[in-house]
Protein backbone atom coordinates (compact mmCIF):
# COMPACT_ATOMS: atom_id res chain seq x y z
CA MET A 1 25.91 73.31 76.48
CA GLY A 2 26.00 75.36 79.67
CA LYS A 3 23.19 75.11 82.15
CA ASN A 4 21.62 77.74 84.40
CA TYR A 5 20.29 76.70 87.80
CA HIS A 6 17.47 78.78 89.22
CA PHE A 7 15.24 78.49 92.25
CA LEU A 8 11.74 78.73 90.79
CA ARG A 9 8.70 79.25 92.94
CA VAL A 10 5.75 77.02 92.18
CA PHE A 11 2.51 78.50 93.47
CA GLU A 12 -0.55 77.05 95.24
CA PRO A 13 -4.04 78.45 94.60
CA PHE A 14 -5.23 81.84 95.83
CA ILE A 15 -7.54 84.52 94.44
CA GLY A 16 -5.23 85.68 91.65
CA GLY A 17 -4.94 82.20 90.23
CA LYS A 18 -1.33 81.71 91.27
CA ARG A 19 0.10 79.10 93.61
CA ASP A 20 1.54 79.81 97.05
CA PHE A 21 5.14 78.96 96.62
CA GLU A 22 7.46 76.28 97.71
CA VAL A 23 10.99 76.60 96.43
CA GLN A 24 12.23 73.90 94.08
CA GLU A 25 15.54 73.73 92.26
CA VAL A 26 14.87 73.45 88.57
CA GLU A 27 17.37 73.12 85.76
CA PHE A 28 16.74 74.38 82.28
CA GLU A 29 18.70 75.33 79.24
CA SER A 30 20.54 78.61 79.06
CA GLU A 31 19.30 81.47 76.89
CA ASN A 32 22.82 82.71 76.30
CA GLN A 33 22.07 83.81 72.75
CA GLU A 34 20.17 86.73 74.26
CA PRO A 35 20.75 89.78 75.38
CA ASN A 36 17.92 90.60 72.98
CA GLY A 37 14.53 91.49 74.32
CA ALA A 38 12.69 91.87 77.57
CA PRO A 39 14.34 90.33 80.65
CA VAL A 40 13.50 86.71 81.40
CA GLU A 41 11.13 86.23 84.34
CA ASN A 42 12.55 83.01 85.75
CA ASN A 43 10.10 83.32 88.65
CA ASN A 44 6.88 84.03 86.76
CA PRO A 45 4.67 86.61 88.56
CA LEU A 46 1.64 85.21 86.70
CA GLY A 47 2.11 81.85 88.40
CA TYR A 48 2.36 78.34 86.97
CA ASN A 49 -1.20 77.34 86.15
CA LEU A 50 -0.64 75.50 82.86
CA ASP A 51 -0.62 71.79 83.70
CA TYR A 52 -1.27 68.98 81.22
CA ILE A 53 -5.05 69.12 81.65
CA ALA A 54 -5.19 72.89 81.17
CA ALA A 55 -2.88 72.64 78.14
CA PHE A 56 -5.02 69.88 76.61
CA TYR A 57 -8.20 71.90 76.86
CA MET A 58 -6.54 75.16 75.87
CA VAL A 59 -5.53 73.54 72.57
CA ILE A 60 -9.01 72.06 72.20
CA GLN A 61 -10.63 75.43 72.88
CA GLY A 62 -8.19 77.34 70.69
CA ILE A 63 -8.66 75.15 67.60
CA ILE A 64 -12.27 73.99 67.93
CA GLY A 65 -14.43 77.10 67.98
CA THR A 66 -17.42 77.21 65.67
CA GLY A 67 -15.58 76.40 62.43
CA ILE A 68 -15.95 72.62 62.43
CA PHE A 69 -19.72 73.04 62.83
CA ALA A 70 -19.91 75.37 59.83
CA THR A 71 -17.06 75.21 57.29
CA PRO A 72 -17.12 71.56 56.04
CA GLY A 73 -20.10 72.31 53.79
CA SER A 74 -18.51 75.37 52.18
CA ILE A 75 -15.27 73.41 51.69
CA VAL A 76 -17.11 70.69 49.74
CA GLN A 77 -18.83 73.42 47.75
CA SER A 78 -15.43 74.91 46.84
CA ILE A 79 -13.55 71.69 46.07
CA GLY A 80 -16.46 69.84 44.43
CA SER A 81 -16.12 66.28 45.77
CA ILE A 82 -16.07 64.24 48.97
CA GLY A 83 -12.73 62.56 48.26
CA ALA A 84 -10.92 65.81 47.56
CA SER A 85 -12.30 67.34 50.76
CA TYR A 86 -10.66 64.57 52.81
CA VAL A 87 -7.34 65.35 51.12
CA LEU A 88 -7.72 69.00 52.10
CA TRP A 89 -8.39 68.13 55.75
CA VAL A 90 -5.20 66.04 55.78
CA VAL A 91 -3.23 68.85 54.11
CA GLY A 92 -4.62 71.35 56.61
CA PHE A 93 -3.55 69.13 59.49
CA LEU A 94 -0.01 68.83 58.12
CA ILE A 95 0.29 72.60 57.70
CA ALA A 96 -0.95 73.13 61.27
CA LEU A 97 1.53 70.52 62.51
CA PHE A 98 4.39 72.21 60.66
CA GLU A 99 3.53 75.53 62.28
CA ILE A 100 3.44 73.85 65.69
CA PHE A 101 6.88 72.32 65.08
CA ILE A 102 8.21 75.83 64.44
CA TYR A 103 6.69 77.10 67.68
CA ILE A 104 8.20 74.15 69.54
CA GLU A 105 11.73 74.96 68.40
CA PHE A 106 11.25 78.49 69.69
CA VAL A 107 10.00 77.05 73.00
CA THR A 108 13.15 74.95 73.41
CA TYR A 109 15.24 78.11 73.09
CA PHE A 110 13.04 80.39 75.22
CA GLN A 111 11.33 78.19 77.80
CA ARG A 112 10.57 80.98 80.26
CA ARG A 113 9.03 83.43 77.78
CA SER A 114 5.28 83.89 77.40
CA GLY A 115 3.65 85.98 74.69
CA GLY A 116 4.15 83.63 71.74
CA ASP A 117 4.76 85.41 68.45
CA VAL A 118 5.78 88.77 69.92
CA ALA A 119 8.42 87.22 72.19
CA TYR A 120 9.93 85.16 69.38
CA LEU A 121 9.83 87.99 66.82
CA GLU A 122 11.70 90.21 69.28
CA GLN A 123 14.45 87.59 69.50
CA ALA A 124 14.59 87.03 65.75
CA TYR A 125 14.68 90.68 64.68
CA PRO A 126 16.75 92.65 67.23
CA LYS A 127 17.79 95.18 64.58
CA PRO A 128 16.69 97.84 63.80
CA ASP A 129 16.13 98.49 67.50
CA PHE A 130 12.44 98.34 68.46
CA LEU A 131 11.13 98.11 64.87
CA VAL A 132 9.44 94.70 64.96
CA PRO A 133 8.22 94.99 68.59
CA THR A 134 6.83 98.48 67.91
CA THR A 135 4.99 97.36 64.78
CA TYR A 136 3.65 94.19 66.39
CA ALA A 137 2.54 96.10 69.49
CA ALA A 138 0.66 98.70 67.44
CA VAL A 139 -1.06 96.07 65.30
CA SER A 140 -1.84 93.88 68.34
CA VAL A 141 -3.49 96.74 70.22
CA LEU A 142 -5.41 98.11 67.22
CA LEU A 143 -6.36 94.81 65.57
CA SER A 144 -6.90 92.48 68.54
CA PHE A 145 -10.16 91.14 67.17
CA LEU A 146 -11.53 88.24 69.20
CA ASN A 147 -15.14 89.27 68.82
CA SER A 148 -16.17 86.74 66.18
CA SER A 149 -16.53 84.13 68.94
CA ALA A 150 -18.51 86.57 71.10
CA ILE A 151 -20.86 87.37 68.20
CA ALA A 152 -21.20 83.65 67.39
CA PHE A 153 -22.11 82.96 71.02
CA GLY A 154 -24.88 85.56 70.84
CA THR A 155 -26.18 84.24 67.52
CA TYR A 156 -26.41 80.60 68.64
CA ILE A 157 -27.90 81.48 72.04
CA LEU A 158 -30.66 83.47 70.32
CA ASN A 159 -31.30 80.60 67.91
CA ALA A 160 -31.49 78.12 70.78
CA ALA A 161 -34.03 80.36 72.51
CA ASP A 162 -36.08 80.80 69.31
CA ILE A 163 -35.52 84.56 69.44
CA GLU A 164 -34.89 86.49 66.24
CA ALA A 165 -31.14 87.05 65.93
CA THR A 166 -31.09 90.76 65.10
CA THR A 167 -27.76 92.57 64.81
CA TRP A 168 -28.08 94.48 68.08
CA ARG A 169 -29.27 91.44 70.02
CA GLN A 170 -26.23 89.54 68.81
CA ARG A 171 -23.97 92.44 69.73
CA ALA A 172 -25.54 92.93 73.16
CA ILE A 173 -25.05 89.28 74.12
CA GLY A 174 -21.58 89.32 72.55
CA CYS A 175 -20.57 92.36 74.61
CA GLY A 176 -21.95 90.73 77.75
CA ILE A 177 -20.11 87.44 77.32
CA LEU A 178 -16.85 89.19 76.35
CA THR A 179 -17.13 91.34 79.48
CA PHE A 180 -17.72 88.26 81.64
CA VAL A 181 -14.68 86.47 80.19
CA CYS A 182 -12.41 89.51 80.60
CA VAL A 183 -13.54 90.16 84.19
CA LEU A 184 -13.01 86.51 85.14
CA SER A 185 -9.59 86.45 83.45
CA SER A 186 -8.63 89.65 85.31
CA ILE A 187 -9.59 88.27 88.72
CA ASN A 188 -8.45 84.65 88.59
CA THR A 189 -6.47 82.88 85.89
CA ARG A 190 -6.88 79.49 87.54
CA ALA A 191 -10.67 79.79 87.65
CA THR A 192 -10.66 80.84 83.99
CA LEU A 193 -8.68 77.75 83.03
CA ARG A 194 -10.96 75.52 85.11
CA LEU A 195 -14.01 76.91 83.32
CA SER A 196 -12.19 76.30 80.04
CA ASN A 197 -11.54 72.70 81.12
CA ILE A 198 -15.22 72.14 81.95
CA LEU A 199 -16.44 73.63 78.68
CA GLY A 200 -13.76 71.68 76.82
CA SER A 201 -15.02 68.44 78.34
CA ILE A 202 -18.56 69.28 77.21
CA LYS A 203 -17.24 70.07 73.74
CA VAL A 204 -15.39 66.76 73.40
CA ILE A 205 -18.44 64.82 74.65
CA PHE A 206 -20.65 66.68 72.18
CA ILE A 207 -18.33 65.90 69.28
CA ALA A 208 -18.12 62.27 70.42
CA PHE A 209 -21.94 62.15 70.37
CA ILE A 210 -21.99 63.41 66.76
CA ILE A 211 -19.36 60.83 65.79
CA ILE A 212 -21.22 57.95 67.45
CA THR A 213 -24.44 59.10 65.80
CA GLY A 214 -22.58 59.08 62.50
CA PHE A 215 -21.48 55.48 63.00
CA VAL A 216 -25.04 54.51 63.90
CA THR A 217 -26.19 56.25 60.72
CA LEU A 218 -23.64 54.39 58.60
CA ALA A 219 -24.86 51.12 60.16
CA GLY A 220 -28.42 51.92 59.09
CA GLY A 221 -29.69 52.70 62.57
CA THR A 222 -31.28 56.06 61.76
CA ARG A 223 -33.89 57.42 59.37
CA ILE A 224 -31.22 58.18 56.69
CA ALA A 225 -31.71 55.94 53.66
CA ASN A 226 -28.58 54.51 52.05
CA PRO A 227 -26.06 56.61 54.05
CA THR A 228 -23.00 55.06 52.37
CA SER A 229 -23.99 56.07 48.83
CA ILE A 230 -22.30 59.45 49.16
CA PHE A 231 -18.90 57.75 49.45
CA LYS A 232 -19.30 56.01 46.08
CA ASN A 233 -17.65 57.89 43.22
CA ALA A 234 -16.07 60.05 45.92
CA TRP A 235 -13.87 61.95 43.44
CA GLU A 236 -16.62 62.83 41.01
CA GLY A 237 -16.97 66.59 40.55
CA THR A 238 -13.50 67.54 41.82
CA THR A 239 -12.69 71.02 40.59
CA THR A 240 -9.52 72.04 38.77
CA ASP A 241 -10.11 75.74 39.43
CA GLY A 242 -6.99 76.97 41.24
CA ASN A 243 -8.85 79.86 42.87
CA ALA A 244 -11.51 77.54 44.31
CA ILE A 245 -8.88 75.08 45.55
CA SER A 246 -6.86 77.82 47.22
CA ASN A 247 -9.94 79.23 48.94
CA ALA A 248 -10.81 75.75 50.22
CA ILE A 249 -7.27 75.28 51.58
CA ILE A 250 -7.48 78.59 53.42
CA LYS A 251 -10.83 77.60 54.96
CA VAL A 252 -9.41 74.28 56.16
CA SER A 253 -6.27 75.88 57.59
CA PHE A 254 -8.47 78.41 59.41
CA SER A 255 -10.30 75.49 61.05
CA TYR A 256 -6.97 74.25 62.45
CA GLY A 257 -5.90 77.69 63.72
CA GLY A 258 -5.75 78.58 67.39
CA THR A 259 -2.67 76.79 68.74
CA GLN A 260 -0.94 80.16 69.21
CA TYR A 261 -2.92 80.73 72.41
CA VAL A 262 -1.29 77.88 74.33
CA PHE A 263 2.14 78.95 73.05
CA GLY A 264 1.38 82.37 74.50
CA VAL A 265 1.48 80.95 78.04
CA VAL A 266 4.65 78.84 77.82
CA GLY A 267 6.19 80.67 80.78
CA GLU A 268 3.22 79.66 82.96
CA SER A 269 3.91 75.93 82.63
CA ASN A 270 5.79 73.96 85.27
CA PRO A 271 9.49 74.46 84.37
CA ARG A 272 10.13 70.75 84.93
CA HIS A 273 7.58 69.79 82.29
CA THR A 274 7.78 72.60 79.72
CA LYS A 275 9.85 70.76 77.12
CA ARG A 276 7.98 67.49 77.45
CA MET A 277 4.60 69.20 77.36
CA PHE A 278 5.23 71.29 74.27
CA CYS A 279 7.49 68.94 72.31
CA PHE A 280 5.34 65.83 72.59
CA PHE A 281 2.03 66.42 74.37
CA ILE A 282 0.79 69.42 72.34
CA PRO A 283 1.40 67.76 68.92
CA GLY A 284 -0.42 64.70 70.28
CA VAL A 285 -3.44 66.84 71.17
CA VAL A 286 -3.48 68.33 67.67
CA PHE A 287 -3.37 64.82 66.18
CA PHE A 288 -6.30 63.88 68.43
CA ILE A 289 -8.22 66.89 67.04
CA PHE A 290 -7.38 65.78 63.49
CA ILE A 291 -8.91 62.37 64.19
CA LEU A 292 -12.01 64.06 65.62
CA TYR A 293 -12.28 66.25 62.53
CA VAL A 294 -12.07 63.33 60.10
CA LEU A 295 -14.69 61.37 62.04
CA ILE A 296 -17.07 64.30 62.47
CA ILE A 297 -17.04 65.26 58.78
CA THR A 298 -17.62 61.59 57.95
CA SER A 299 -20.70 61.76 60.18
CA TYR A 300 -21.86 64.94 58.43
CA TYR A 301 -21.49 63.29 55.03
CA ALA A 302 -23.30 60.13 56.13
CA GLY A 303 -26.28 62.12 57.39
CA SER A 304 -26.50 64.58 54.51
CA ASN A 305 -28.73 62.64 52.07
CA GLY A 306 -26.47 63.54 49.14
CA ILE A 307 -23.60 65.80 48.15
CA GLU A 308 -25.90 68.48 46.73
CA ASN A 309 -27.41 68.94 50.18
CA ILE A 310 -23.90 69.42 51.60
CA LYS A 311 -23.05 72.03 48.99
CA GLY A 312 -26.34 73.79 49.61
CA SER A 313 -25.87 73.81 53.38
CA ASN A 314 -23.01 76.33 53.11
CA THR A 315 -22.24 77.10 56.81
CA LEU A 316 -25.13 75.08 58.25
CA ILE A 317 -23.86 71.53 57.77
CA ALA A 318 -24.19 70.61 61.48
CA SER A 319 -27.80 71.83 61.43
CA LEU A 320 -28.40 69.78 58.27
CA PHE A 321 -27.03 66.68 60.02
CA PHE A 322 -29.22 67.11 63.10
CA GLN A 323 -32.28 67.93 61.00
CA ASN A 324 -31.88 64.84 58.81
CA VAL A 325 -31.03 62.43 61.63
CA PHE A 326 -33.33 63.63 64.43
CA ASN A 327 -35.85 65.93 62.69
CA SER A 328 -36.84 67.55 65.97
CA VAL A 329 -36.83 71.07 67.38
CA PRO A 330 -35.22 70.06 70.72
CA ALA A 331 -32.30 68.48 68.85
CA ARG A 332 -31.76 71.65 66.84
CA LYS A 333 -31.92 73.79 69.99
CA ALA A 334 -29.45 71.51 71.75
CA LEU A 335 -27.07 71.87 68.80
CA ASP A 336 -27.27 75.67 68.92
CA ALA A 337 -26.70 75.75 72.68
CA LEU A 338 -23.67 73.45 72.50
CA VAL A 339 -22.12 75.40 69.61
CA ALA A 340 -22.60 78.56 71.70
CA LEU A 341 -20.66 76.92 74.55
CA SER A 342 -17.97 75.96 72.05
CA ALA A 343 -17.67 79.62 71.04
CA LEU A 344 -17.42 80.63 74.71
CA GLY A 345 -14.61 78.14 75.28
CA HIS A 346 -12.70 79.53 72.32
CA LEU A 347 -13.13 83.06 73.70
CA LEU A 348 -11.65 82.02 77.06
CA ALA A 349 -8.50 80.66 75.41
CA ALA A 350 -8.21 83.69 73.11
CA VAL A 351 -8.42 86.27 75.90
CA ILE A 352 -5.80 84.48 78.01
CA GLY A 353 -3.40 84.03 75.10
CA HIS A 354 -3.83 87.52 73.68
CA SER A 355 -3.42 89.26 77.04
CA ARG A 356 -0.02 87.58 77.48
CA ALA A 357 1.09 88.86 74.07
CA LEU A 358 0.11 92.43 74.99
CA ARG A 359 1.84 92.13 78.36
CA GLU A 360 5.01 91.04 76.58
CA CYS A 361 4.77 94.13 74.36
CA GLY A 362 4.65 96.18 77.55
CA ARG A 363 7.66 94.36 79.03
CA GLN A 364 9.59 95.14 75.86
CA GLY A 365 9.10 98.84 76.58
CA VAL A 366 7.44 99.76 73.28
CA LEU A 367 4.05 100.64 74.78
CA PRO A 368 3.55 103.85 76.80
CA TYR A 369 3.57 103.44 80.59
CA SER A 370 5.42 100.16 80.30
CA SER A 371 5.15 99.21 83.97
CA LEU A 372 1.33 99.42 83.87
CA TRP A 373 1.25 96.83 81.07
CA THR A 374 3.73 94.65 82.96
CA THR A 375 2.30 94.68 86.48
CA THR A 376 0.27 91.74 87.76
CA ARG A 377 -1.18 93.50 90.80
CA PRO A 378 -3.49 93.06 92.60
CA TRP A 379 -4.56 89.53 91.61
CA GLY A 380 -1.58 88.12 89.75
CA THR A 381 -3.14 88.79 86.33
CA PRO A 382 -2.33 91.21 83.46
CA ILE A 383 -5.27 93.58 84.01
CA LEU A 384 -4.34 96.38 81.58
CA PRO A 385 -3.70 94.02 78.62
CA ILE A 386 -7.04 92.30 79.31
CA PHE A 387 -8.79 95.67 79.56
CA ALA A 388 -7.22 96.81 76.26
CA THR A 389 -8.39 93.58 74.61
CA TRP A 390 -11.90 94.14 75.98
CA LEU A 391 -12.05 97.80 74.93
CA VAL A 392 -10.89 97.27 71.34
CA ASN A 393 -13.26 94.38 70.79
CA ILE A 394 -16.23 96.20 72.33
CA ILE A 395 -15.60 99.15 69.99
CA VAL A 396 -15.32 96.86 66.96
CA MET A 397 -18.54 95.07 67.94
CA ILE A 398 -20.56 98.23 68.51
CA ALA A 399 -19.16 100.97 66.27
CA PRO A 400 -19.18 99.62 62.69
CA PRO A 401 -22.47 98.98 60.93
CA ALA A 402 -23.36 95.34 60.37
CA GLY A 403 -22.19 93.68 57.19
CA ASP A 404 -19.44 95.23 55.09
CA ALA A 405 -17.73 97.38 57.71
CA TYR A 406 -17.61 94.63 60.34
CA ASN A 407 -16.36 91.96 57.90
CA PHE A 408 -13.80 94.40 56.52
CA ILE A 409 -12.32 95.17 59.95
CA VAL A 410 -12.11 91.48 60.89
CA ASP A 411 -10.44 90.66 57.53
CA ILE A 412 -7.72 93.24 58.25
CA GLY A 413 -6.90 91.55 61.57
CA SER A 414 -6.79 88.08 59.99
CA TYR A 415 -4.55 89.23 57.14
CA SER A 416 -2.01 90.82 59.49
CA ASN A 417 -1.71 87.50 61.35
CA TYR A 418 -0.50 85.73 58.20
CA ILE A 419 2.14 88.42 57.64
CA PHE A 420 3.52 87.99 61.15
CA LYS A 421 3.44 84.19 60.77
CA LEU A 422 5.64 84.51 57.68
CA LEU A 423 8.05 86.74 59.62
CA LEU A 424 8.05 84.16 62.42
CA VAL A 425 9.09 81.27 60.15
CA ILE A 426 11.87 83.34 58.59
CA GLY A 427 12.77 84.49 62.09
CA LEU A 428 13.47 80.92 63.20
CA ILE A 429 16.19 80.71 60.55
CA LEU A 430 17.64 83.98 61.86
CA VAL A 431 17.59 82.74 65.47
CA ARG A 432 19.46 79.61 64.41
CA ARG A 433 22.10 81.83 62.83
CA GLN A 434 22.36 83.92 66.01
CA ARG A 435 22.83 80.80 68.11
CA LYS A 436 25.45 79.43 65.76
CA GLU A 437 27.41 82.69 65.96
CA ALA A 438 27.15 82.52 69.77
CA GLY A 439 28.53 78.97 69.77
CA LEU A 440 25.18 77.44 70.75
CA GLY A 441 23.41 74.50 69.16
CA PHE A 442 19.92 73.06 69.19
CA GLU A 443 18.03 72.17 72.37
CA GLY A 444 16.79 68.72 71.38
CA TRP A 445 14.38 69.89 68.67
CA LYS A 446 15.16 70.96 65.11
CA VAL A 447 12.56 71.56 62.43
CA PRO A 448 13.77 70.07 59.11
CA LEU A 449 14.45 72.62 56.39
CA PRO A 450 11.81 71.19 53.99
CA ILE A 451 9.12 71.87 56.62
CA LEU A 452 10.31 75.47 56.93
CA VAL A 453 10.23 75.88 53.15
CA VAL A 454 6.72 74.41 52.84
CA THR A 455 5.44 76.65 55.64
CA ILE A 456 6.99 79.74 54.06
CA PHE A 457 5.39 78.89 50.72
CA PHE A 458 2.02 78.41 52.40
CA GLU A 459 2.14 81.74 54.24
CA VAL A 460 3.21 83.52 51.04
CA PHE A 461 0.43 81.72 49.18
CA VAL A 462 -2.24 82.90 51.64
CA ILE A 463 -0.90 86.46 51.61
CA ALA A 464 -0.79 86.51 47.80
CA MET A 465 -4.27 85.03 47.36
CA ALA A 466 -5.80 88.17 48.81
CA TRP A 467 -4.67 90.01 45.69
CA VAL A 468 -6.03 87.49 43.16
CA PRO A 469 -9.29 88.81 41.64
CA PRO A 470 -12.44 86.64 41.89
CA LEU A 471 -13.43 84.60 38.86
CA ASN A 472 -16.77 86.36 38.39
CA GLY A 473 -14.93 89.38 37.02
CA THR A 474 -16.77 91.90 39.22
CA LEU A 475 -13.79 92.71 41.48
CA ILE A 476 -16.21 92.61 44.43
CA GLY A 477 -15.14 90.79 47.59
CA SER A 478 -16.82 87.59 48.77
CA ASP A 479 -17.92 89.06 52.12
CA VAL A 480 -18.07 92.78 51.25
CA SER A 481 -19.75 94.83 48.55
CA PHE A 482 -16.66 96.79 47.50
CA PHE A 483 -13.20 96.19 45.97
CA TYR A 484 -12.13 92.65 46.84
CA CYS A 485 -8.61 93.34 48.22
CA THR A 486 -9.32 96.58 50.05
CA TYR A 487 -8.61 94.91 53.40
CA ALA A 488 -5.18 93.74 52.18
CA ILE A 489 -4.35 97.24 50.93
CA VAL A 490 -5.41 98.81 54.22
CA CYS A 491 -3.49 96.21 56.25
CA VAL A 492 -0.30 96.86 54.30
CA GLY A 493 -0.98 100.58 54.71
CA ILE A 494 -1.28 100.21 58.50
CA LEU A 495 2.00 98.31 58.62
CA GLY A 496 3.57 101.02 56.46
CA ILE A 497 2.31 103.72 58.83
CA CYS A 498 3.81 101.78 61.74
CA VAL A 499 7.18 101.66 59.98
CA LEU A 500 6.94 105.38 59.16
CA TYR A 501 6.08 106.18 62.78
CA TYR A 502 9.03 104.08 63.91
CA TYR A 503 11.40 105.90 61.56
CA ILE A 504 10.23 109.31 62.80
CA TRP A 505 10.28 108.24 66.47
CA ALA A 506 13.59 106.32 66.36
CA LYS A 507 15.58 108.29 63.76
CA VAL A 508 14.20 111.72 62.90
CA LEU A 509 13.17 113.06 66.33
CA PRO A 510 16.37 111.92 68.10
CA ARG A 511 18.46 113.60 65.41
CA PHE A 512 16.72 116.94 65.90
CA GLY A 513 16.40 116.52 69.66
CA HIS A 514 20.07 115.56 70.16
CA TYR A 515 19.29 112.41 72.10
CA GLU A 516 19.26 108.65 71.61
CA HIS A 517 16.99 105.93 72.93
CA ARG A 518 18.22 103.44 75.47
CA ILE A 519 16.46 100.66 77.36
CA LEU A 520 16.24 100.72 81.14
CA PHE A 521 15.69 97.58 83.19
CA TYR A 522 13.15 97.67 86.00
CA SER A 523 11.57 95.30 88.49
CA LEU A 524 8.22 95.74 90.25
CA ASP A 525 6.95 94.70 93.67
CA CYS A 526 5.63 91.26 92.64
CA GLY A 527 8.77 90.24 90.75
CA GLU A 528 7.70 91.54 87.34
CA LEU A 529 10.65 92.43 85.11
CA GLY A 530 10.64 94.69 82.10
CA HIS A 531 12.25 97.40 80.03
CA SER A 532 11.29 100.99 79.50
CA VAL A 533 12.61 103.03 76.58
CA VAL A 534 14.19 106.28 77.79
CA LYS A 535 15.76 109.31 76.13
CA VAL A 536 19.42 109.99 76.90
CA GLU A 537 21.00 113.29 75.86
CA LYS A 538 23.97 112.82 73.53
CA ASP A 539 26.24 114.57 76.02
CA ASP A 540 25.35 111.89 78.58
CA LEU A 541 25.57 108.86 76.26
CA GLN A 542 29.13 107.86 77.11
CA LYS A 543 28.41 107.98 80.84
CA TRP A 544 25.14 106.06 80.38
CA ASP A 545 26.74 103.33 78.28
CA THR A 546 29.57 102.83 80.77
CA GLU A 547 27.11 102.57 83.67
CA HIS A 548 24.61 100.18 82.02
CA ASP A 549 24.90 96.93 80.13
CA SER A 550 23.09 96.19 76.85
CA ASN A 551 19.98 95.10 78.78
CA GLY A 552 19.71 98.41 80.62
CA ARG A 553 20.92 97.01 83.93
CA PRO A 554 23.32 99.17 85.95
CA ILE A 555 26.91 97.94 86.05
CA PHE A 556 28.48 97.71 89.50
CA ALA A 557 32.05 96.98 90.37
CA ALA A 558 31.44 95.07 93.57
CA ASP A 559 28.05 93.37 93.54
CA ASP A 560 25.05 92.31 91.47
CA SER A 561 22.51 94.90 92.61
CA VAL A 562 19.44 95.54 90.51
CA VAL A 563 17.30 98.54 89.70
CA GLU A 564 13.85 98.66 91.24
CA LEU A 565 11.38 100.85 89.36
CA VAL A 566 8.04 101.67 90.92
CA GLY A 567 5.69 103.62 88.67
CA THR A 568 7.23 106.22 86.36
CA GLU A 569 10.33 108.12 87.45
CA SER A 570 12.89 110.32 85.76
CA ILE A 571 16.27 108.97 84.72
CA SER A 572 18.06 111.16 87.27
CA HIS A 573 16.04 109.52 90.07
CA LEU A 574 16.46 106.04 88.65
CA SER A 575 20.23 106.34 88.42
CA SER A 576 20.46 106.59 92.18
CA LYS A 577 17.69 104.15 93.11
CA PHE A 578 19.61 100.90 93.53
CA ILE A 579 18.97 98.19 96.08
CA THR A 580 21.25 95.43 97.28
C-alpha cells in the first residue's frame, strides 16, 4: 500500500472553536481509489476538536436521548414478557454494533472526510453523476428533523415546573432551545462540545444513580415489596405475533440509534488517532452504553411492582420507577429536569453531526451557491448548514398542527433514514469492488460478509414493515388517524420526485440546451475545498476536458497550481484565475 505524507495543522483554541496551528507531519493511508467526490480537506478548516473525551460524550449524547427513559415499558407491552425483552435489547445492541462496524470500514478508507452517510454514499455511487448526492442533499435539507429532542426538552421542563404542557408552550420552549444550540454551534464548536461533555457527565451520573437505586431495591432497601418476583417465570406471556415482535425490535433499534453523529465529524479528529479512536474506542463506548441499558431496565423492572404495571406505563416507565421507589414530588421533578437535560445533550450532538452532512452536500456541488455551504468564515463553523437545519426544524415545529400532521412529517424523515442506511451497506460492497479494481486492499478493518447480510436483511425488514397492515384491521396508523403507510408512500414519492428532477436537470435540459455538466474545483480563503457544478457548451467540451482533470482541477504542464474561487464567478473568469 502506498502512503501519502501531509503536513496537517492542529489548532489551539480561539473563538471559532479551532486550534491555533503548529505543523506536524502525519502519515495516513492513501485514498487512491478516488477521484470520486468532493476534494479531500487534508487540513480541515473546521479544526480538530474531536478528542477522546468529546467522542465519548458525543456517542453518549447521540444514543441516549429520551428513549431509554420511555421505551422499555412499550417494548415489554409489545413482546409480552421480561425474558424476551432482554433478548431484544441484546439483539438491538448487536444490530447497532454491526452498523458501527460498517461505518468503521468506511472510516479506514476515508479518514479525512466528514459528513458521514453523504460522504460515503458519494464514494459508493459515483454513477450516474450527481444522482445519489443530489437526492441525499434534497432529502437532508427538506427532512432534517431534529425537533423531537427540542419538543421533549420543552415537555419535560414544563412538567418539572408543574406548568401545564400545552402544545404551544412545548413548541415555544423547543424553538428557544433549538435556537440556542444552533447559535452556540455557529459561534464556537469547541464550546458546544464542552457543553455536550458537561451534560453527558450529568447524564451518566443520573443513569448510575438509577442503577444503584435499582440494586438497593433488589436488596430490599426500598419500599418495594418482593422486588425479585418479577424475574420469576420471566418468559411467561411471550408473544408469537410477528407484527408485535417486529415493532418491538424497531423500538429497541431506535433506542440504540445516534452513532451517525460522531461519524459525521471524522475529519475533525486528530489524524494521528482517527483509526484507533473509531476502530476500537467508539465500539467500546457503545458496549458501555449496552451495559448501562441492561442495568437500567433491570432497575425499572425491580421497581415496577409487577409486569402489568410495566405494560400499563407505556412511555412513562422511568416515572413509574421514581414514583414507586421515592413516592415524592421532588423526585419526580428531578427526573423530569434530568430527562430534559438528556434531550438537550442529544440535540447538541444532532446539530453538530447534521450540519457537517449538509456542508458535505455543499462541497459536492449539488446545492446552489456551493461556496456558501462550504465556507467556515467567520468563526470556523459551517454557519449556512446550521442555519438551514434551524430553519427547517423551526418550520416543522410551528407550522403543522399538533398530532397527526407533526407525527406524519417526523415519520417521513425517519423512514428515509432507513432507505439511505440500506444504500450505505450495499455501497460498502461497491466500494470494496472499486478498491479491488484499483489494486487496493483493506486498511486494517474488514466487516465479515455475514454481518453485511444480516444488516441488509434488517434494513429491508424495517423498510418493509411500514407496509404491513396493523392487526386490528382498521388500516389506521399507530400514531396518526389516517391510512397507516401514508408516510412511507409519501417518502417514496419524494425520492421519486428527486430522481425525476435529477433526470430533467442532468439529462433533458442539457440535451435541449446543448451543454453538459462538469465539476469545477475551488478553494476558499480559509482552506475550504469544494466542487461547483458548471455548464459547459458542447462546442467547448473538448477544450474543457483537455484543460481539467476528472476532479475539475486545471491541468498545467509545468507546475501544480490550483484554482482559487472566491464567491460566484463565471467560467470565463475562472479559467484565467490561477495562482501559483
